[in-house]
Amino acid sequence: MACAALSATAIALSSPAALAQNVLKSGPAAQVQNALLAALDNVGLRQCRPAMARLATLALDGTIGNDVLLDWDRRRKDQSAVFSLIGLEYVNGGAAMSIAVIPSANGECAVHAERISSAPFPCSVLAQQELNGFRATRLLQNMTVYLDPKDPNSTVSLVETPPGCLVIRRYVDFNWLPPNPAPAQGQR
């Protein structure tokens, strides 16, 4: 997969512990496939990395490039929230994905992710093509939220923005744990 030049920049928030800095080491862009994971590894953020890796990997499917903004509390590196905003570049456009994780002492992570994109056609067409079997709840005249009964942690919100549709795919899990690894041969 071809990748555009990738770098990561931290977002400076009002906290004095949040400092703007480049978090990726310089090198050929082709070596960096996932800007979020490279940034997490470069600054040593390990808690909740598996959750972020799972979501970022899904988000990168079909992209030709990605970049990330990353923020965390430098005083409590692996014990506080991590916020990221991933820019996703496709052949015919782009999208953005926000992933936030908050670690807990027992190894769980609260996870919130939103992928925001637009479709060049009405929301009703997108719903008919991609959301069959989902339950629809109209929030506003121009906004409907869809829930897949098989995945209650995820929703898809469609907002009419004529002539197109704003698409917000949302995932929330307050007690995410990494899947248990398969036991090694000879172990049970």
C-alpha atoms as a PDB file:
ATOM      1  CA  MET A   1       0.000   0.000   0.000  1.00  0.00           C
ATOM      2  CA  ALA A   2       1.431   3.325  -1.012  1.00  0.00           C
ATOM      3  CA  CYS A   3       1.633   5.874   1.765  1.00  0.00           C
ATOM      4  CA  ALA A   4       1.915   9.622   1.477  1.00  0.00           C
ATOM      5  CA  ALA A   5       4.592  11.338   3.524  1.00  0.00           C
ATOM      6  CA  LEU A   6       3.645  10.741   7.124  1.00  0.00           C
ATOM      7  CA  SER A   7       4.388  12.694  10.226  1.00  0.00           C
ATOM      8  CA  ALA A   8       2.656  13.113  13.530  1.00  0.00           C
ATOM      9  CA  THR A   9       2.208  16.288  15.470  1.00  0.00           C
ATOM     10  CA  ALA A  10       0.959  16.538  19.028  1.00  0.00           C
ATOM     11  CA  ILE A  11      -1.905  18.861  19.857  1.00  0.00           C
ATOM     12  CA  ALA A  12      -1.057  21.348  22.566  1.00  0.00           C
ATOM     13  CA  LEU A  13      -3.891  21.660  25.051  1.00  0.00           C
ATOM     14  CA  SER A  14      -4.106  24.059  27.947  1.00  0.00           C
ATOM     15  CA  SER A  15      -2.260  21.676  30.291  1.00  0.00           C
ATOM     16  CA  PRO A  16       1.412  22.610  30.741  1.00  0.00           C
ATOM     17  CA  ALA A  17       2.220  18.897  30.443  1.00  0.00           C
ATOM     18  CA  ALA A  18       0.821  18.803  26.889  1.00  0.00           C
ATOM     19  CA  LEU A  19       3.537  20.081  24.600  1.00  0.00           C
ATOM     20  CA  ALA A  20       3.433  20.307  20.809  1.00  0.00           C
ATOM     21  CA  GLN A  21       6.092  18.114  19.276  1.00  0.00           C
ATOM     22  CA  ASN A  22       6.789  15.857  16.338  1.00  0.00           C
ATOM     23  CA  VAL A  23       6.366  12.302  17.645  1.00  0.00           C
ATOM     24  CA  LEU A  24       7.543  10.331  14.605  1.00  0.00           C
ATOM     25  CA  LYS A  25      11.192   9.771  13.884  1.00  0.00           C
ATOM     26  CA  SER A  26      12.214  11.017  10.468  1.00  0.00           C
ATOM     27  CA  GLY A  27      12.816   8.475   7.734  1.00  0.00           C
ATOM     28  CA  PRO A  28      11.426   7.344   4.414  1.00  0.00           C
ATOM     29  CA  ALA A  29       7.636   7.672   4.306  1.00  0.00           C
ATOM     30  CA  ALA A  30       7.233   4.257   2.691  1.00  0.00           C
ATOM     31  CA  GLN A  31       8.395   2.618   5.933  1.00  0.00           C
ATOM     32  CA  VAL A  32       5.473   4.003   7.946  1.00  0.00           C
ATOM     33  CA  GLN A  33       2.217   2.198   7.204  1.00  0.00           C
ATOM     34  CA  ASN A  34       0.167   3.337  10.216  1.00  0.00           C
ATOM     35  CA  ALA A  35       0.960   6.818  11.534  1.00  0.00           C
ATOM     36  CA  LEU A  36      -0.963   6.305  14.785  1.00  0.00           C
ATOM     37  CA  LEU A  37       0.871   3.123  15.760  1.00  0.00           C
ATOM     38  CA  ALA A  38       4.228   4.610  14.779  1.00  0.00           C
ATOM     39  CA  ALA A  39       3.504   7.668  16.953  1.00  0.00           C
ATOM     40  CA  LEU A  40       2.372   5.536  19.920  1.00  0.00           C
ATOM     41  CA  ASP A  41       5.510   3.407  19.653  1.00  0.00           C
ATOM     42  CA  ASN A  42       7.775   6.408  19.268  1.00  0.00           C
ATOM     43  CA  VAL A  43       6.558   8.066  22.474  1.00  0.00           C
ATOM     44  CA  GLY A  44       6.176   4.795  24.388  1.00  0.00           C
ATOM     45  CA  LEU A  45       2.422   4.684  24.930  1.00  0.00           C
ATOM     46  CA  ARG A  46       1.514   1.035  25.607  1.00  0.00           C
ATOM     47  CA  GLN A  47      -1.645   0.992  27.701  1.00  0.00           C
ATOM     48  CA  CYS A  48      -4.683   0.668  25.407  1.00  0.00           C
ATOM     49  CA  ARG A  49      -2.429   0.368  22.309  1.00  0.00           C
ATOM     50  CA  PRO A  50      -4.183  -2.878  21.229  1.00  0.00           C
ATOM     51  CA  ALA A  51      -7.555  -1.095  21.162  1.00  0.00           C
ATOM     52  CA  MET A  52      -6.135   1.801  19.159  1.00  0.00           C
ATOM     53  CA  ALA A  53      -4.320  -0.609  16.826  1.00  0.00           C
ATOM     54  CA  ARG A  54      -7.521  -2.538  16.097  1.00  0.00           C
ATOM     55  CA  LEU A  55      -9.489   0.595  15.264  1.00  0.00           C
ATOM     56  CA  ALA A  56      -6.713   2.318  13.305  1.00  0.00           C
ATOM     57  CA  THR A  57      -6.093  -0.813  11.236  1.00  0.00           C
ATOM     58  CA  LEU A  58      -9.784  -0.954  10.309  1.00  0.00           C
ATOM     59  CA  ALA A  59      -9.752   2.749   9.447  1.00  0.00           C
ATOM     60  CA  LEU A  60      -6.767   2.419   7.121  1.00  0.00           C
ATOM     61  CA  ASP A  61      -8.421  -0.161   4.885  1.00  0.00           C
ATOM     62  CA  GLY A  62      -8.431   1.253   1.357  1.00  0.00           C
ATOM     63  CA  THR A  63      -6.397   4.376   2.156  1.00  0.00           C
ATOM     64  CA  ILE A  64      -3.383   5.646   0.240  1.00  0.00           C
ATOM     65  CA  GLY A  65      -2.091   7.757   3.133  1.00  0.00           C
ATOM     66  CA  ASN A  66      -2.697   8.740   6.733  1.00  0.00           C
ATOM     67  CA  ASP A  67      -1.425  11.188   9.306  1.00  0.00           C
ATOM     68  CA  VAL A  68      -2.173  11.744  12.969  1.00  0.00           C
ATOM     69  CA  LEU A  69      -2.479  14.369  15.680  1.00  0.00           C
ATOM     70  CA  LEU A  70      -1.791  12.871  19.099  1.00  0.00           C
ATOM     71  CA  ASP A  71      -2.119  14.168  22.650  1.00  0.00           C
ATOM     72  CA  TRP A  72      -1.511  12.580  26.054  1.00  0.00           C
ATOM     73  CA  ASP A  73      -0.538  13.655  29.565  1.00  0.00           C
ATOM     74  CA  ARG A  74       3.262  13.460  29.603  1.00  0.00           C
ATOM     75  CA  ARG A  75       3.342  13.389  33.433  1.00  0.00           C
ATOM     76  CA  ARG A  76       1.241  10.198  33.584  1.00  0.00           C
ATOM     77  CA  LYS A  77       2.089   8.692  30.209  1.00  0.00           C
ATOM     78  CA  ASP A  78       0.484   5.253  30.470  1.00  0.00           C
ATOM     79  CA  GLN A  79      -2.084   6.124  33.124  1.00  0.00           C
ATOM     80  CA  SER A  80      -4.120   8.836  31.441  1.00  0.00           C
ATOM     81  CA  ALA A  81      -6.249   9.408  28.381  1.00  0.00           C
ATOM     82  CA  VAL A  82      -4.806   9.403  24.865  1.00  0.00           C
ATOM     83  CA  PHE A  83      -6.559  11.407  22.144  1.00  0.00           C
ATOM     84  CA  SER A  84      -5.859  11.057  18.437  1.00  0.00           C
ATOM     85  CA  LEU A  85      -7.191  12.459  15.201  1.00  0.00           C
ATOM     86  CA  ILE A  86      -6.261  10.461  12.115  1.00  0.00           C
ATOM     87  CA  GLY A  87      -6.457  11.976   8.655  1.00  0.00           C
ATOM     88  CA  LEU A  88      -7.348   9.332   6.063  1.00  0.00           C
ATOM     89  CA  GLU A  89      -6.521   9.854   2.395  1.00  0.00           C
ATOM     90  CA  TYR A  90      -8.308   7.877  -0.316  1.00  0.00           C
ATOM     91  CA  VAL A  91      -7.919   8.007  -4.089  1.00  0.00           C
ATOM     92  CA  ASN A  92     -11.206   9.947  -4.401  1.00  0.00           C
ATOM     93  CA  GLY A  93     -11.323  11.908  -1.155  1.00  0.00           C
ATOM     94  CA  GLY A  94     -10.678  11.747   2.538  1.00  0.00           C
ATOM     95  CA  ALA A  95     -12.082  11.110   5.977  1.00  0.00           C
ATOM     96  CA  ALA A  96     -11.119  11.750   9.593  1.00  0.00           C
ATOM     97  CA  MET A  97     -11.168   9.396  12.527  1.00  0.00           C
ATOM     98  CA  SER A  98     -10.935  10.340  16.177  1.00  0.00           C
ATOM     99  CA  ILE A  99      -9.875   7.681  18.690  1.00  0.00           C
ATOM    100  CA  ALA A 100      -9.791   8.370  22.431  1.00  0.00           C
ATOM    101  CA  VAL A 101      -8.830   5.816  25.072  1.00  0.00           C
ATOM    102  CA  ILE A 102      -8.751   5.996  28.857  1.00  0.00           C
ATOM    103  CA  PRO A 103      -6.900   3.208  30.684  1.00  0.00           C
ATOM    104  CA  SER A 104      -8.035   1.748  33.992  1.00  0.00           C
ATOM    105  CA  ALA A 105      -5.946   0.071  36.684  1.00  0.00           C
ATOM    106  CA  ASN A 106      -7.371  -3.388  35.889  1.00  0.00           C
ATOM    107  CA  GLY A 107      -6.146  -3.350  32.271  1.00  0.00           C
ATOM    108  CA  GLU A 108      -9.452  -2.334  30.727  1.00  0.00           C
ATOM    109  CA  CYS A 109      -9.768   0.676  28.453  1.00  0.00           C
ATOM    110  CA  ALA A 110     -12.673   3.007  27.830  1.00  0.00           C
ATOM    111  CA  VAL A 111     -12.667   3.504  24.067  1.00  0.00           C
ATOM    112  CA  HIS A 112     -14.448   6.079  21.929  1.00  0.00           C
ATOM    113  CA  ALA A 113     -13.924   6.317  18.170  1.00  0.00           C
ATOM    114  CA  GLU A 114     -15.653   8.272  15.418  1.00  0.00           C
ATOM    115  CA  ARG A 115     -14.957   8.104  11.699  1.00  0.00           C
ATOM    116  CA  ILE A 116     -16.344  11.082   9.786  1.00  0.00           C
ATOM    117  CA  SER A 117     -16.731  11.118   6.014  1.00  0.00           C
ATOM    118  CA  SER A 118     -19.134  12.312   3.355  1.00  0.00           C
ATOM    119  CA  ALA A 119     -20.986  10.597   0.552  1.00  0.00           C
ATOM    120  CA  PRO A 120     -21.800  12.446  -2.692  1.00  0.00           C
ATOM    121  CA  PHE A 121     -25.425  11.283  -2.684  1.00  0.00           C
ATOM    122  CA  PRO A 122     -28.472  11.472  -0.369  1.00  0.00           C
ATOM    123  CA  CYS A 123     -28.411   9.636   2.966  1.00  0.00           C
ATOM    124  CA  SER A 124     -31.395   7.508   1.963  1.00  0.00           C
ATOM    125  CA  VAL A 125     -29.317   5.946  -0.827  1.00  0.00           C
ATOM    126  CA  LEU A 126     -26.441   5.195   1.541  1.00  0.00           C
ATOM    127  CA  ALA A 127     -28.803   3.719   4.148  1.00  0.00           C
ATOM    128  CA  GLN A 128     -30.423   1.494   1.536  1.00  0.00           C
ATOM    129  CA  GLN A 129     -27.041   0.286   0.207  1.00  0.00           C
ATOM    130  CA  GLU A 130     -25.144  -0.223   3.470  1.00  0.00           C
ATOM    131  CA  LEU A 131     -27.502  -0.315   6.457  1.00  0.00           C
ATOM    132  CA  ASN A 132     -30.089  -3.007   5.693  1.00  0.00           C
ATOM    133  CA  GLY A 133     -31.122  -4.736   8.928  1.00  0.00           C
ATOM    134  CA  PHE A 134     -30.084  -1.773  11.106  1.00  0.00           C
ATOM    135  CA  ARG A 135     -32.621  -0.084  13.408  1.00  0.00           C
ATOM    136  CA  ALA A 136     -33.176   3.567  12.540  1.00  0.00           C
ATOM    137  CA  THR A 137     -33.903   6.340  15.045  1.00  0.00           C
ATOM    138  CA  ARG A 138     -34.571   9.813  13.699  1.00  0.00           C
ATOM    139  CA  LEU A 139     -33.017  12.466  15.939  1.00  0.00           C
ATOM    140  CA  LEU A 140     -33.726  15.523  13.824  1.00  0.00           C
ATOM    141  CA  GLN A 141     -35.418  16.169  10.504  1.00  0.00           C
ATOM    142  CA  ASN A 142     -32.033  15.867   8.798  1.00  0.00           C
ATOM    143  CA  MET A 143     -30.325  13.267  11.058  1.00  0.00           C
ATOM    144  CA  THR A 144     -30.931   9.558  11.583  1.00  0.00           C
ATOM    145  CA  VAL A 145     -28.932   7.170  13.777  1.00  0.00           C
ATOM    146  CA  TYR A 146     -28.659   3.511  12.771  1.00  0.00           C
ATOM    147  CA  LEU A 147     -27.851   0.636  15.127  1.00  0.00           C
ATOM    148  CA  ASP A 148     -26.854  -2.872  14.078  1.00  0.00           C
ATOM    149  CA  PRO A 149     -28.526  -5.195  16.618  1.00  0.00           C
ATOM    150  CA  LYS A 150     -25.507  -7.523  16.319  1.00  0.00           C
ATOM    151  CA  ASP A 151     -23.107  -4.749  17.439  1.00  0.00           C
ATOM    152  CA  PRO A 152     -24.686  -2.543  20.129  1.00  0.00           C
ATOM    153  CA  ASN A 153     -21.397  -0.653  20.695  1.00  0.00           C
ATOM    154  CA  SER A 154     -21.501   0.886  17.210  1.00  0.00           C
ATOM    155  CA  THR A 155     -23.790   3.362  15.489  1.00  0.00           C
ATOM    156  CA  VAL A 156     -23.895   5.035  12.096  1.00  0.00           C
ATOM    157  CA  SER A 157     -25.333   8.559  12.006  1.00  0.00           C
ATOM    158  CA  LEU A 158     -26.378  10.039   8.674  1.00  0.00           C
ATOM    159  CA  VAL A 159     -26.841  13.797   8.377  1.00  0.00           C
ATOM    160  CA  GLU A 160     -28.426  15.207   5.211  1.00  0.00           C
ATOM    161  CA  THR A 161     -26.086  17.806   3.719  1.00  0.00           C
ATOM    162  CA  PRO A 162     -27.555  18.303   0.230  1.00  0.00           C
ATOM    163  CA  PRO A 163     -26.587  17.222  -2.258  1.00  0.00           C
ATOM    164  CA  GLY A 164     -24.646  14.713  -0.130  1.00  0.00           C
ATOM    165  CA  CYS A 165     -24.620  12.961   3.223  1.00  0.00           C
ATOM    166  CA  LEU A 166     -22.358  13.370   6.258  1.00  0.00           C
ATOM    167  CA  VAL A 167     -21.528   9.924   7.708  1.00  0.00           C
ATOM    168  CA  ILE A 168     -20.433   9.495  11.336  1.00  0.00           C
ATOM    169  CA  ARG A 169     -19.518   5.950  12.347  1.00  0.00           C
ATOM    170  CA  ARG A 170     -19.208   5.742  16.130  1.00  0.00           C
ATOM    171  CA  TYR A 171     -17.870   3.042  18.455  1.00  0.00           C
ATOM    172  CA  VAL A 172     -17.965   3.135  22.270  1.00  0.00           C
ATOM    173  CA  ASP A 173     -16.827   0.482  24.758  1.00  0.00           C
ATOM    174  CA  PHE A 174     -16.331   1.401  28.412  1.00  0.00           C
ATOM    175  CA  ASN A 175     -14.693  -1.903  29.416  1.00  0.00           C
ATOM    176  CA  TRP A 176     -12.607  -2.968  26.408  1.00  0.00           C
ATOM    177  CA  LEU A 177     -10.100  -5.741  27.020  1.00  0.00           C
ATOM    178  CA  PRO A 178      -7.727  -7.213  24.450  1.00  0.00           C
ATOM    179  CA  PRO A 179      -8.886 -10.608  23.187  1.00  0.00           C
ATOM    180  CA  ASN A 180      -7.346 -13.533  25.030  1.00  0.00           C
ATOM    181  CA  PRO A 181      -4.449 -14.948  23.035  1.00  0.00           C
ATOM    182  CA  ALA A 182      -4.746 -18.566  21.951  1.00  0.00           C
ATOM    183  CA  PRO A 183      -2.901 -20.901  24.344  1.00  0.00           C
ATOM    184  CA  ALA A 184       0.489 -22.077  23.104  1.00  0.00           C
ATOM    185  CA  GLN A 185       0.728 -25.658  21.905  1.00  0.00           C
ATOM    186  CA  GLY A 186       0.922 -28.058  24.826  1.00  0.00           C
ATOM    187  CA  GLN A 187      -0.798 -25.550  27.186  1.00  0.00           C
ATOM    188  CA  ARG A 188      -4.405 -25.481  28.242  1.00  0.00           C
END
